[in-house]
């Protein structure tokens, strides 16, 4: 998947997480190769996104009208705004541009080029 397994369906970026693939499996590893059972996943966004073959919810044609992702992104809190910003950036610029930007981050969020 060219590094896109580090982008969560919701827009979270796992690439800078110290626990990614240690204590946190992220939302894609194991489901993509069927070594984990997607039907047992608890996250509605992940089930929908991966079942439809998308990399993120932002890739879906129903993104703007989807109650599941929009209610998630509209939760109060800084991180939800950053997830939305990530998905909007991916929608406008693509996964490769997002990964190129995120590779310089030292935390879960970072700055985007103007």
C-alpha atoms as a PDB file:
ATOM      1  CA  UNK A   1       0.000   0.000   0.000  1.00  0.00           C
ATOM      2  CA  UNK A   2       3.012   2.320  -0.307  1.00  0.00           C
ATOM      3  CA  UNK A   3       2.958   3.530   3.301  1.00  0.00           C
ATOM      4  CA  UNK A   4      -0.735   4.319   3.313  1.00  0.00           C
ATOM      5  CA  UNK A   5      -1.293   1.680   5.998  1.00  0.00           C
ATOM      6  CA  UNK A   6       0.039   4.335   8.394  1.00  0.00           C
ATOM      7  CA  UNK A   7      -2.925   6.600   7.588  1.00  0.00           C
ATOM      8  CA  UNK A   8      -6.000   5.693   9.614  1.00  0.00           C
ATOM      9  CA  UNK A   9      -9.375   5.499   7.938  1.00  0.00           C
ATOM     10  CA  UNK A  10     -10.381   8.528  10.047  1.00  0.00           C
ATOM     11  CA  UNK A  11      -7.326  10.585   9.094  1.00  0.00           C
ATOM     12  CA  UNK A  12      -5.175   9.725  12.102  1.00  0.00           C
ATOM     13  CA  UNK A  13      -1.486   9.358  11.250  1.00  0.00           C
ATOM     14  CA  UNK A  14       0.211   6.377  12.891  1.00  0.00           C
ATOM     15  CA  UNK A  15       3.657   6.852  11.360  1.00  0.00           C
ATOM     16  CA  UNK A  16       5.022   8.893  14.279  1.00  0.00           C
ATOM     17  CA  UNK A  17       3.468   6.800  17.049  1.00  0.00           C
ATOM     18  CA  UNK A  18       5.993   4.957  19.215  1.00  0.00           C
ATOM     19  CA  UNK A  19       3.423   2.270  20.000  1.00  0.00           C
ATOM     20  CA  UNK A  20       2.378   1.628  16.397  1.00  0.00           C
ATOM     21  CA  UNK A  21       2.822  -2.064  15.639  1.00  0.00           C
ATOM     22  CA  UNK A  22       4.004  -2.705  19.205  1.00  0.00           C
ATOM     23  CA  UNK A  23       1.046  -2.330  21.550  1.00  0.00           C
ATOM     24  CA  UNK A  24      -1.167  -0.565  18.977  1.00  0.00           C
ATOM     25  CA  UNK A  25      -1.831  -2.369  15.730  1.00  0.00           C
ATOM     26  CA  UNK A  26      -3.401   0.615  14.038  1.00  0.00           C
ATOM     27  CA  UNK A  27      -6.525   0.231  11.990  1.00  0.00           C
ATOM     28  CA  UNK A  28      -5.129  -1.474   8.906  1.00  0.00           C
ATOM     29  CA  UNK A  29      -2.328  -3.988   9.554  1.00  0.00           C
ATOM     30  CA  UNK A  30      -3.724  -7.477   9.677  1.00  0.00           C
ATOM     31  CA  UNK A  31      -7.014  -6.514   8.080  1.00  0.00           C
ATOM     32  CA  UNK A  32      -5.428  -5.846   4.716  1.00  0.00           C
ATOM     33  CA  UNK A  33      -3.930  -9.326   4.484  1.00  0.00           C
ATOM     34  CA  UNK A  34      -6.877 -10.983   6.295  1.00  0.00           C
ATOM     35  CA  UNK A  35      -4.761 -12.176   9.241  1.00  0.00           C
ATOM     36  CA  UNK A  36      -7.220 -10.231  11.420  1.00  0.00           C
ATOM     37  CA  UNK A  37     -10.979 -10.665  11.031  1.00  0.00           C
ATOM     38  CA  UNK A  38     -12.531  -7.386   9.879  1.00  0.00           C
ATOM     39  CA  UNK A  39     -15.999  -8.573  10.867  1.00  0.00           C
ATOM     40  CA  UNK A  40     -14.841  -8.534  14.507  1.00  0.00           C
ATOM     41  CA  UNK A  41     -13.587  -4.945  14.370  1.00  0.00           C
ATOM     42  CA  UNK A  42     -15.487  -2.508  16.593  1.00  0.00           C
ATOM     43  CA  UNK A  43     -14.853   0.663  14.584  1.00  0.00           C
ATOM     44  CA  UNK A  44     -17.683   1.359  12.118  1.00  0.00           C
ATOM     45  CA  UNK A  45     -15.483   3.682  10.085  1.00  0.00           C
ATOM     46  CA  UNK A  46     -12.778   1.050   9.663  1.00  0.00           C
ATOM     47  CA  UNK A  47     -15.252  -1.669   8.684  1.00  0.00           C
ATOM     48  CA  UNK A  48     -16.911   0.544   6.105  1.00  0.00           C
ATOM     49  CA  UNK A  49     -13.705   2.057   4.720  1.00  0.00           C
ATOM     50  CA  UNK A  50     -11.801  -1.202   4.318  1.00  0.00           C
ATOM     51  CA  UNK A  51     -14.819  -3.160   3.067  1.00  0.00           C
ATOM     52  CA  UNK A  52     -15.261  -0.574   0.317  1.00  0.00           C
ATOM     53  CA  UNK A  53     -11.558  -0.798  -0.549  1.00  0.00           C
ATOM     54  CA  UNK A  54     -10.717   2.777   0.421  1.00  0.00           C
ATOM     55  CA  UNK A  55      -7.515   3.964   2.067  1.00  0.00           C
ATOM     56  CA  UNK A  56      -9.319   6.627   4.110  1.00  0.00           C
ATOM     57  CA  UNK A  57     -12.906   7.735   4.587  1.00  0.00           C
ATOM     58  CA  UNK A  58     -11.922  10.812   2.591  1.00  0.00           C
ATOM     59  CA  UNK A  59     -11.654   8.632  -0.519  1.00  0.00           C
ATOM     60  CA  UNK A  60     -15.332   7.758  -0.395  1.00  0.00           C
ATOM     61  CA  UNK A  61     -17.855   9.490  -2.612  1.00  0.00           C
ATOM     62  CA  UNK A  62     -20.204   9.626   0.362  1.00  0.00           C
ATOM     63  CA  UNK A  63     -17.671  11.369   2.636  1.00  0.00           C
ATOM     64  CA  UNK A  64     -19.517  14.672   2.950  1.00  0.00           C
ATOM     65  CA  UNK A  65     -22.897  13.049   3.619  1.00  0.00           C
ATOM     66  CA  UNK A  66     -21.708  10.122   5.747  1.00  0.00           C
ATOM     67  CA  UNK A  67     -23.166  10.423   9.223  1.00  0.00           C
ATOM     68  CA  UNK A  68     -20.576   8.069  10.729  1.00  0.00           C
ATOM     69  CA  UNK A  69     -17.437   9.978   9.699  1.00  0.00           C
ATOM     70  CA  UNK A  70     -18.985  13.433  10.005  1.00  0.00           C
ATOM     71  CA  UNK A  71     -20.249  12.811  13.550  1.00  0.00           C
ATOM     72  CA  UNK A  72     -16.776  11.516  14.464  1.00  0.00           C
ATOM     73  CA  UNK A  73     -15.016  14.529  12.956  1.00  0.00           C
ATOM     74  CA  UNK A  74     -17.411  16.942  14.639  1.00  0.00           C
ATOM     75  CA  UNK A  75     -16.594  15.748  18.157  1.00  0.00           C
ATOM     76  CA  UNK A  76     -15.188  18.543  20.272  1.00  0.00           C
ATOM     77  CA  UNK A  77     -11.447  18.392  20.743  1.00  0.00           C
ATOM     78  CA  UNK A  78      -8.283  19.338  18.968  1.00  0.00           C
ATOM     79  CA  UNK A  79      -7.462  15.885  17.594  1.00  0.00           C
ATOM     80  CA  UNK A  80     -10.771  15.592  15.736  1.00  0.00           C
ATOM     81  CA  UNK A  81     -10.058  18.855  13.961  1.00  0.00           C
ATOM     82  CA  UNK A  82      -6.637  17.513  13.001  1.00  0.00           C
ATOM     83  CA  UNK A  83      -8.178  14.277  11.664  1.00  0.00           C
ATOM     84  CA  UNK A  84     -10.565  16.364   9.560  1.00  0.00           C
ATOM     85  CA  UNK A  85      -7.699  18.540   8.353  1.00  0.00           C
ATOM     86  CA  UNK A  86      -5.782  15.407   7.319  1.00  0.00           C
ATOM     87  CA  UNK A  87      -8.726  13.975   5.388  1.00  0.00           C
ATOM     88  CA  UNK A  88      -9.384  17.299   3.673  1.00  0.00           C
ATOM     89  CA  UNK A  89      -5.695  17.555   2.737  1.00  0.00           C
ATOM     90  CA  UNK A  90      -5.759  14.013   1.340  1.00  0.00           C
ATOM     91  CA  UNK A  91      -8.933  14.767  -0.617  1.00  0.00           C
ATOM     92  CA  UNK A  92      -7.333  17.853  -2.159  1.00  0.00           C
ATOM     93  CA  UNK A  93      -3.769  16.597  -2.654  1.00  0.00           C
ATOM     94  CA  UNK A  94      -3.691  12.798  -2.477  1.00  0.00           C
ATOM     95  CA  UNK A  95      -2.127  10.193  -0.218  1.00  0.00           C
ATOM     96  CA  UNK A  96       1.412  10.634  -1.506  1.00  0.00           C
ATOM     97  CA  UNK A  97       1.388  14.365  -0.776  1.00  0.00           C
ATOM     98  CA  UNK A  98       0.053  13.677   2.709  1.00  0.00           C
ATOM     99  CA  UNK A  99       2.738  11.072   3.412  1.00  0.00           C
ATOM    100  CA  UNK A 100       5.455  13.381   2.083  1.00  0.00           C
ATOM    101  CA  UNK A 101       4.233  16.102   4.435  1.00  0.00           C
ATOM    102  CA  UNK A 102       3.777  13.799   7.425  1.00  0.00           C
ATOM    103  CA  UNK A 103       7.229  12.198   7.134  1.00  0.00           C
ATOM    104  CA  UNK A 104       8.687  15.353   8.697  1.00  0.00           C
ATOM    105  CA  UNK A 105       6.322  15.380  11.681  1.00  0.00           C
ATOM    106  CA  UNK A 106       7.635  14.461  15.117  1.00  0.00           C
ATOM    107  CA  UNK A 107       4.180  13.990  16.635  1.00  0.00           C
ATOM    108  CA  UNK A 108       0.733  12.860  15.600  1.00  0.00           C
ATOM    109  CA  UNK A 109       0.045  16.171  13.858  1.00  0.00           C
ATOM    110  CA  UNK A 110       2.052  18.694  11.969  1.00  0.00           C
ATOM    111  CA  UNK A 111       2.024  21.589   9.597  1.00  0.00           C
ATOM    112  CA  UNK A 112       0.809  21.440   6.044  1.00  0.00           C
ATOM    113  CA  UNK A 113       2.382  23.271   3.117  1.00  0.00           C
ATOM    114  CA  UNK A 114       0.515  26.347   1.979  1.00  0.00           C
END
